[in-house]
PDB file of N, CA and C in Angstrom:
ATOM      1  N   MET A   1      95.919  89.465  68.028  1.00  0.00           N
ATOM      2  CA  MET A   1      95.259  88.523  68.999  1.00  0.00           C
ATOM      3  C   MET A   1      93.937  88.453  68.693  1.00  0.00           C
ATOM      4  N   ASN A   2      93.360  87.160  69.124  1.00  0.00           N
ATOM      5  CA  ASN A   2      92.022  86.579  69.050  1.00  0.00           C
ATOM      6  C   ASN A   2      91.419  86.790  70.288  1.00  0.00           C
ATOM      7  N   LYS A   3      90.006  87.157  70.514  1.00  0.00           N
ATOM      8  CA  LYS A   3      89.286  87.001  71.513  1.00  0.00           C
ATOM      9  C   LYS A   3      88.636  85.691  71.732  1.00  0.00           C
ATOM     10  N   THR A   4      88.531  85.032  72.406  1.00  0.00           N
ATOM     11  CA  THR A   4      87.768  83.620  72.634  1.00  0.00           C
ATOM     12  C   THR A   4      86.733  83.611  73.658  1.00  0.00           C
ATOM     13  N   VAL A   5      85.472  83.676  73.630  1.00  0.00           N
ATOM     14  CA  VAL A   5      84.581  83.493  74.665  1.00  0.00           C
ATOM     15  C   VAL A   5      84.181  81.982  75.001  1.00  0.00           C
ATOM     16  N   LEU A   6      84.243  81.901  76.208  1.00  0.00           N
ATOM     17  CA  LEU A   6      84.063  80.116  76.523  1.00  0.00           C
ATOM     18  C   LEU A   6      83.027  80.250  77.759  1.00  0.00           C
ATOM     19  N   SER A   7      82.072  79.379  77.559  1.00  0.00           N
ATOM     20  CA  SER A   7      80.963  79.065  78.577  1.00  0.00           C
ATOM     21  C   SER A   7      81.691  78.137  79.628  1.00  0.00           C
ATOM     22  N   ALA A   8      81.719  78.360  80.623  1.00  0.00           N
ATOM     23  CA  ALA A   8      82.148  77.572  81.991  1.00  0.00           C
ATOM     24  C   ALA A   8      81.002  77.277  82.846  1.00  0.00           C
ATOM     25  N   PRO A   9      80.101  76.230  82.856  1.00  0.00           N
ATOM     26  CA  PRO A   9      79.148  76.387  83.813  1.00  0.00           C
ATOM     27  C   PRO A   9      79.359  76.141  85.200  1.00  0.00           C
ATOM     28  N   ASP A  10      80.602  75.861  85.072  1.00  0.00           N
ATOM     29  CA  ASP A  10      80.974  75.316  86.863  1.00  0.00           C
ATOM     30  C   ASP A  10      81.401  76.630  87.752  1.00  0.00           C
ATOM     31  N   ILE A  11      81.553  77.705  87.219  1.00  0.00           N
ATOM     32  CA  ILE A  11      82.245  78.826  87.715  1.00  0.00           C
ATOM     33  C   ILE A  11      80.918  79.081  88.832  1.00  0.00           C
ATOM     34  N   ALA A  12      81.325  79.179  90.023  1.00  0.00           N
ATOM     35  CA  ALA A  12      80.158  79.809  91.248  1.00  0.00           C
ATOM     36  C   ALA A  12      80.734  80.747  92.114  1.00  0.00           C
ATOM     37  N   CYS A  13      81.922  81.331  91.867  1.00  0.00           N
ATOM     38  CA  CYS A  13      82.426  82.472  93.100  1.00  0.00           C
ATOM     39  C   CYS A  13      83.664  82.774  92.558  1.00  0.00           C
ATOM     40  N   GLY A  14      84.109  83.574  93.422  1.00  0.00           N
ATOM     41  CA  GLY A  14      85.461  84.458  93.197  1.00  0.00           C
ATOM     42  C   GLY A  14      86.583  83.532  93.271  1.00  0.00           C
ATOM     43  N   GLY A  15      86.368  82.242  94.129  1.00  0.00           N
ATOM     44  CA  GLY A  15      87.505  81.362  94.503  1.00  0.00           C
ATOM     45  C   GLY A  15      87.508  80.813  93.170  1.00  0.00           C
ATOM     46  N   CYS A  16      86.601  80.365  92.244  1.00  0.00           N
ATOM     47  CA  CYS A  16      86.523  79.812  91.083  1.00  0.00           C
ATOM     48  C   CYS A  16      87.219  80.803  90.209  1.00  0.00           C
ATOM     49  N   ALA A  17      87.215  81.838  89.926  1.00  0.00           N
ATOM     50  CA  ALA A  17      87.566  82.839  89.051  1.00  0.00           C
ATOM     51  C   ALA A  17      88.867  82.764  89.176  1.00  0.00           C
ATOM     52  N   ASN A  18      89.696  82.920  90.750  1.00  0.00           N
ATOM     53  CA  ASN A  18      90.941  82.716  91.136  1.00  0.00           C
ATOM     54  C   ASN A  18      91.510  81.392  90.310  1.00  0.00           C
ATOM     55  N   ALA A  19      90.893  80.484  90.722  1.00  0.00           N
ATOM     56  CA  ALA A  19      91.509  78.998  89.973  1.00  0.00           C
ATOM     57  C   ALA A  19      91.610  79.166  88.759  1.00  0.00           C
ATOM     58  N   ILE A  20      90.970  79.859  88.214  1.00  0.00           N
ATOM     59  CA  ILE A  20      90.732  79.716  86.408  1.00  0.00           C
ATOM     60  C   ILE A  20      92.059  80.649  86.009  1.00  0.00           C
ATOM     61  N   ARG A  21      91.944  81.984  86.626  1.00  0.00           N
ATOM     62  CA  ARG A  21      93.501  82.766  86.275  1.00  0.00           C
ATOM     63  C   ARG A  21      94.671  82.040  86.649  1.00  0.00           C
ATOM     64  N   LYS A  22      94.746  81.568  87.676  1.00  0.00           N
ATOM     65  CA  LYS A  22      95.739  80.900  88.066  1.00  0.00           C
ATOM     66  C   LYS A  22      96.399  79.570  86.670  1.00  0.00           C
ATOM     67  N   SER A  23      95.305  78.958  86.837  1.00  0.00           N
ATOM     68  CA  SER A  23      95.397  77.946  85.405  1.00  0.00           C
ATOM     69  C   SER A  23      95.871  78.354  84.076  1.00  0.00           C
ATOM     70  N   LEU A  24      95.293  79.825  83.915  1.00  0.00           N
ATOM     71  CA  LEU A  24      96.025  80.447  82.641  1.00  0.00           C
ATOM     72  C   LEU A  24      97.098  81.574  82.458  1.00  0.00           C
ATOM     73  N   ASP A  25      97.280  81.720  83.849  1.00  0.00           N
ATOM     74  CA  ASP A  25      98.518  82.756  84.356  1.00  0.00           C
ATOM     75  C   ASP A  25      99.847  82.169  83.532  1.00  0.00           C
ATOM     76  N   GLY A  26     100.469  83.126  82.915  1.00  0.00           N
ATOM     77  CA  GLY A  26     101.873  82.685  82.461  1.00  0.00           C
ATOM     78  C   GLY A  26     102.141  82.077  81.487  1.00  0.00           C
ATOM     79  N   VAL A  27     100.763  81.743  80.379  1.00  0.00           N
ATOM     80  CA  VAL A  27     100.840  80.898  79.461  1.00  0.00           C
ATOM     81  C   VAL A  27     101.165  81.492  78.349  1.00  0.00           C
ATOM     82  N   ALA A  28     102.117  81.344  77.273  1.00  0.00           N
ATOM     83  CA  ALA A  28     102.758  81.840  76.428  1.00  0.00           C
ATOM     84  C   ALA A  28     101.273  81.875  75.596  1.00  0.00           C
ATOM     85  N   GLY A  29     101.297  83.490  74.843  1.00  0.00           N
ATOM     86  CA  GLY A  29     100.129  83.746  73.925  1.00  0.00           C
ATOM     87  C   GLY A  29      99.007  84.375  74.390  1.00  0.00           C
ATOM     88  N   ILE A  30      98.831  84.081  75.951  1.00  0.00           N
ATOM     89  CA  ILE A  30      97.517  84.736  76.698  1.00  0.00           C
ATOM     90  C   ILE A  30      97.685  86.428  77.013  1.00  0.00           C
ATOM     91  N   ALA A  31      97.455  87.037  76.556  1.00  0.00           N
ATOM     92  CA  ALA A  31      97.486  88.268  77.131  1.00  0.00           C
ATOM     93  C   ALA A  31      96.377  88.983  78.227  1.00  0.00           C
ATOM     94  N   ARG A  32      95.270  88.369  78.002  1.00  0.00           N
ATOM     95  CA  ARG A  32      94.166  88.581  79.053  1.00  0.00           C
ATOM     96  C   ARG A  32      92.972  87.991  79.464  1.00  0.00           C
ATOM     97  N   VAL A  33      92.758  87.867  80.453  1.00  0.00           N
ATOM     98  CA  VAL A  33      91.657  86.983  81.116  1.00  0.00           C
ATOM     99  C   VAL A  33      90.638  87.295  81.690  1.00  0.00           C
ATOM    100  N   ASP A  34      89.398  87.569  81.252  1.00  0.00           N
ATOM    101  CA  ASP A  34      88.087  88.330  82.031  1.00  0.00           C
ATOM    102  C   ASP A  34      87.362  87.101  82.296  1.00  0.00           C
ATOM    103  N   ILE A  35      86.615  86.797  83.437  1.00  0.00           N
ATOM    104  CA  ILE A  35      85.572  86.145  83.893  1.00  0.00           C
ATOM    105  C   ILE A  35      84.667  86.822  84.480  1.00  0.00           C
ATOM    106  N   ASP A  36      83.421  86.480  83.766  1.00  0.00           N
ATOM    107  CA  ASP A  36      82.023  86.998  84.262  1.00  0.00           C
ATOM    108  C   ASP A  36      81.389  85.763  85.072  1.00  0.00           C
ATOM    109  N   ILE A  37      81.379  86.138  86.625  1.00  0.00           N
ATOM    110  CA  ILE A  37      80.877  84.723  87.344  1.00  0.00           C
ATOM    111  C   ILE A  37      79.591  84.655  87.187  1.00  0.00           C
ATOM    112  N   GLU A  38      78.622  85.869  87.204  1.00  0.00           N
ATOM    113  CA  GLU A  38      77.187  85.732  86.664  1.00  0.00           C
ATOM    114  C   GLU A  38      76.992  84.796  85.539  1.00  0.00           C
ATOM    115  N   ARG A  39      77.505  85.060  84.747  1.00  0.00           N
ATOM    116  CA  ARG A  39      77.117  84.627  83.443  1.00  0.00           C
ATOM    117  C   ARG A  39      78.191  83.293  83.018  1.00  0.00           C
ATOM    118  N   LYS A  40      78.869  83.103  83.609  1.00  0.00           N
ATOM    119  CA  LYS A  40      79.772  81.776  83.501  1.00  0.00           C
ATOM    120  C   LYS A  40      80.492  81.987  82.447  1.00  0.00           C
ATOM    121  N   ILE A  41      81.273  82.960  82.389  1.00  0.00           N
ATOM    122  CA  ILE A  41      81.710  83.148  80.878  1.00  0.00           C
ATOM    123  C   ILE A  41      83.450  83.409  81.181  1.00  0.00           C
ATOM    124  N   VAL A  42      84.452  82.891  80.292  1.00  0.00           N
ATOM    125  CA  VAL A  42      85.674  83.207  80.184  1.00  0.00           C
ATOM    126  C   VAL A  42      86.139  83.813  79.140  1.00  0.00           C
ATOM    127  N   SER A  43      86.589  84.976  79.094  1.00  0.00           N
ATOM    128  CA  SER A  43      86.976  85.550  77.974  1.00  0.00           C
ATOM    129  C   SER A  43      88.470  85.383  77.751  1.00  0.00           C
ATOM    130  N   VAL A  44      88.982  85.046  76.726  1.00  0.00           N
ATOM    131  CA  VAL A  44      90.354  85.121  76.527  1.00  0.00           C
ATOM    132  C   VAL A  44      90.794  85.904  75.661  1.00  0.00           C
ATOM    133  N   GLU A  45      92.100  86.904  75.567  1.00  0.00           N
ATOM    134  CA  GLU A  45      92.489  87.253  74.629  1.00  0.00           C
ATOM    135  C   GLU A  45      93.876  86.558  74.147  1.00  0.00           C
ATOM    136  N   HIS A  46      94.344  86.055  72.855  1.00  0.00           N
ATOM    137  CA  HIS A  46      95.465  84.905  73.052  1.00  0.00           C
ATOM    138  C   HIS A  46      95.715  85.000  71.373  1.00  0.00           C
ATOM    139  N   ASP A  47      97.084  84.656  71.373  1.00  0.00           N
ATOM    140  CA  ASP A  47      97.690  84.492  70.400  1.00  0.00           C
ATOM    141  C   ASP A  47      97.305  83.289  69.786  1.00  0.00           C
ATOM    142  N   PRO A  48      96.498  82.984  68.701  1.00  0.00           N
ATOM    143  CA  PRO A  48      96.277  81.583  68.253  1.00  0.00           C
ATOM    144  C   PRO A  48      97.479  80.662  67.902  1.00  0.00           C
ATOM    145  N   ASP A  49      98.479  81.371  67.865  1.00  0.00           N
ATOM    146  CA  ASP A  49      99.810  80.454  67.371  1.00  0.00           C
ATOM    147  C   ASP A  49     100.521  79.913  68.442  1.00  0.00           C
ATOM    148  N   LEU A  50     100.201  80.940  69.630  1.00  0.00           N
ATOM    149  CA  LEU A  50     101.062  80.278  70.841  1.00  0.00           C
ATOM    150  C   LEU A  50     100.172  79.483  72.012  1.00  0.00           C
ATOM    151  N   ALA A  51      98.856  80.125  71.903  1.00  0.00           N
ATOM    152  CA  ALA A  51      97.900  79.262  72.665  1.00  0.00           C
ATOM    153  C   ALA A  51      96.346  79.311  71.832  1.00  0.00           C
ATOM    154  N   SER A  52      96.227  77.762  71.418  1.00  0.00           N
ATOM    155  CA  SER A  52      94.875  77.906  70.660  1.00  0.00           C
ATOM    156  C   SER A  52      93.918  77.435  71.789  1.00  0.00           C
ATOM    157  N   VAL A  53      92.685  77.788  70.802  1.00  0.00           N
ATOM    158  CA  VAL A  53      91.332  77.547  71.818  1.00  0.00           C
ATOM    159  C   VAL A  53      91.398  76.171  72.465  1.00  0.00           C
ATOM    160  N   ALA A  54      91.726  75.311  71.584  1.00  0.00           N
ATOM    161  CA  ALA A  54      91.715  74.016  72.366  1.00  0.00           C
ATOM    162  C   ALA A  54      92.668  73.653  73.636  1.00  0.00           C
ATOM    163  N   SER A  55      94.160  74.317  73.726  1.00  0.00           N
ATOM    164  CA  SER A  55      94.668  74.296  74.767  1.00  0.00           C
ATOM    165  C   SER A  55      94.324  74.678  75.914  1.00  0.00           C
ATOM    166  N   VAL A  56      93.396  76.105  75.449  1.00  0.00           N
ATOM    167  CA  VAL A  56      93.033  77.142  76.694  1.00  0.00           C
ATOM    168  C   VAL A  56      91.790  76.196  77.367  1.00  0.00           C
ATOM    169  N   ILE A  57      91.174  75.290  76.477  1.00  0.00           N
ATOM    170  CA  ILE A  57      90.084  74.692  77.198  1.00  0.00           C
ATOM    171  C   ILE A  57      90.662  73.537  77.709  1.00  0.00           C
ATOM    172  N   THR A  58      91.732  72.670  77.367  1.00  0.00           N
ATOM    173  CA  THR A  58      92.240  71.809  78.036  1.00  0.00           C
ATOM    174  C   THR A  58      92.652  71.981  79.173  1.00  0.00           C
ATOM    175  N   ARG A  59      93.292  73.172  79.542  1.00  0.00           N
ATOM    176  CA  ARG A  59      93.723  73.908  80.982  1.00  0.00           C
ATOM    177  C   ARG A  59      92.819  74.067  81.608  1.00  0.00           C
ATOM    178  N   LEU A  60      91.410  74.609  80.910  1.00  0.00           N
ATOM    179  CA  LEU A  60      90.269  74.741  81.978  1.00  0.00           C
ATOM    180  C   LEU A  60      89.938  73.623  82.534  1.00  0.00           C
ATOM    181  N   ASP A  61      89.848  72.728  81.505  1.00  0.00           N
ATOM    182  CA  ASP A  61      89.297  71.081  81.832  1.00  0.00           C
ATOM    183  C   ASP A  61      90.193  70.839  83.037  1.00  0.00           C
ATOM    184  N   HIS A  62      91.566  70.914  83.032  1.00  0.00           N
ATOM    185  CA  HIS A  62      92.213  70.228  84.025  1.00  0.00           C
ATOM    186  C   HIS A  62      91.971  71.123  85.495  1.00  0.00           C
ATOM    187  N   ALA A  63      91.866  72.257  85.374  1.00  0.00           N
ATOM    188  CA  ALA A  63      91.665  72.994  86.514  1.00  0.00           C
ATOM    189  C   ALA A  63      90.201  72.814  87.066  1.00  0.00           C
ATOM    190  N   GLY A  64      89.476  71.770  86.329  1.00  0.00           N
ATOM    191  CA  GLY A  64      88.034  71.551  87.021  1.00  0.00           C
ATOM    192  C   GLY A  64      86.727  72.496  86.131  1.00  0.00           C
ATOM    193  N   PHE A  65      87.063  73.252  85.386  1.00  0.00           N
ATOM    194  CA  PHE A  65      86.162  74.321  84.756  1.00  0.00           C
ATOM    195  C   PHE A  65      86.089  73.899  83.243  1.00  0.00           C
ATOM    196  N   PRO A  66      85.378  72.566  82.985  1.00  0.00           N
ATOM    197  CA  PRO A  66      85.135  72.057  81.363  1.00  0.00           C
ATOM    198  C   PRO A  66      84.696  73.416  80.987  1.00  0.00           C
ATOM    199  N   ALA A  67      85.046  73.890  79.567  1.00  0.00           N
ATOM    200  CA  ALA A  67      84.329  74.848  78.952  1.00  0.00           C
ATOM    201  C   ALA A  67      84.270  74.742  77.391  1.00  0.00           C
ATOM    202  N   THR A  68      82.988  75.360  76.729  1.00  0.00           N
ATOM    203  CA  THR A  68      83.000  75.091  75.747  1.00  0.00           C
ATOM    204  C   THR A  68      82.986  76.574  74.876  1.00  0.00           C
ATOM    205  N   PRO A  69      83.345  76.864  73.589  1.00  0.00           N
ATOM    206  CA  PRO A  69      83.107  78.071  72.910  1.00  0.00           C
ATOM    207  C   PRO A  69      81.566  78.281  73.176  1.00  0.00           C
ATOM    208  N   THR A  70      81.562  79.414  73.226  1.00  0.00           N
ATOM    209  CA  THR A  70      79.969  80.364  72.769  1.00  0.00           C
ATOM    210  C   THR A  70      80.085  80.594  71.454  1.00  0.00           C
ATOM    211  N   ALA A  71      78.526  80.660  70.895  1.00  0.00           N
ATOM    212  CA  ALA A  71      78.021  80.615  69.501  1.00  0.00           C
ATOM    213  C   ALA A  71      78.352  82.103  69.271  1.00  0.00           C
TER     214      ALA A  71
END
């Protein structure tokens, strides 16, 4: 499992966090999703062979939360 930390500046509230969880819930290869609303960060534990960073970013984008990897 890899852990990827993404910056998602459009996170504003608990509703946003719920929408992000819904968009990633049940995706093969994603084991855990943590969201820090104040820091606007999404942390994803995932199997890169089943859920690549690009696919996670695409799902977040489609959910209305464009994200980029943090440095």
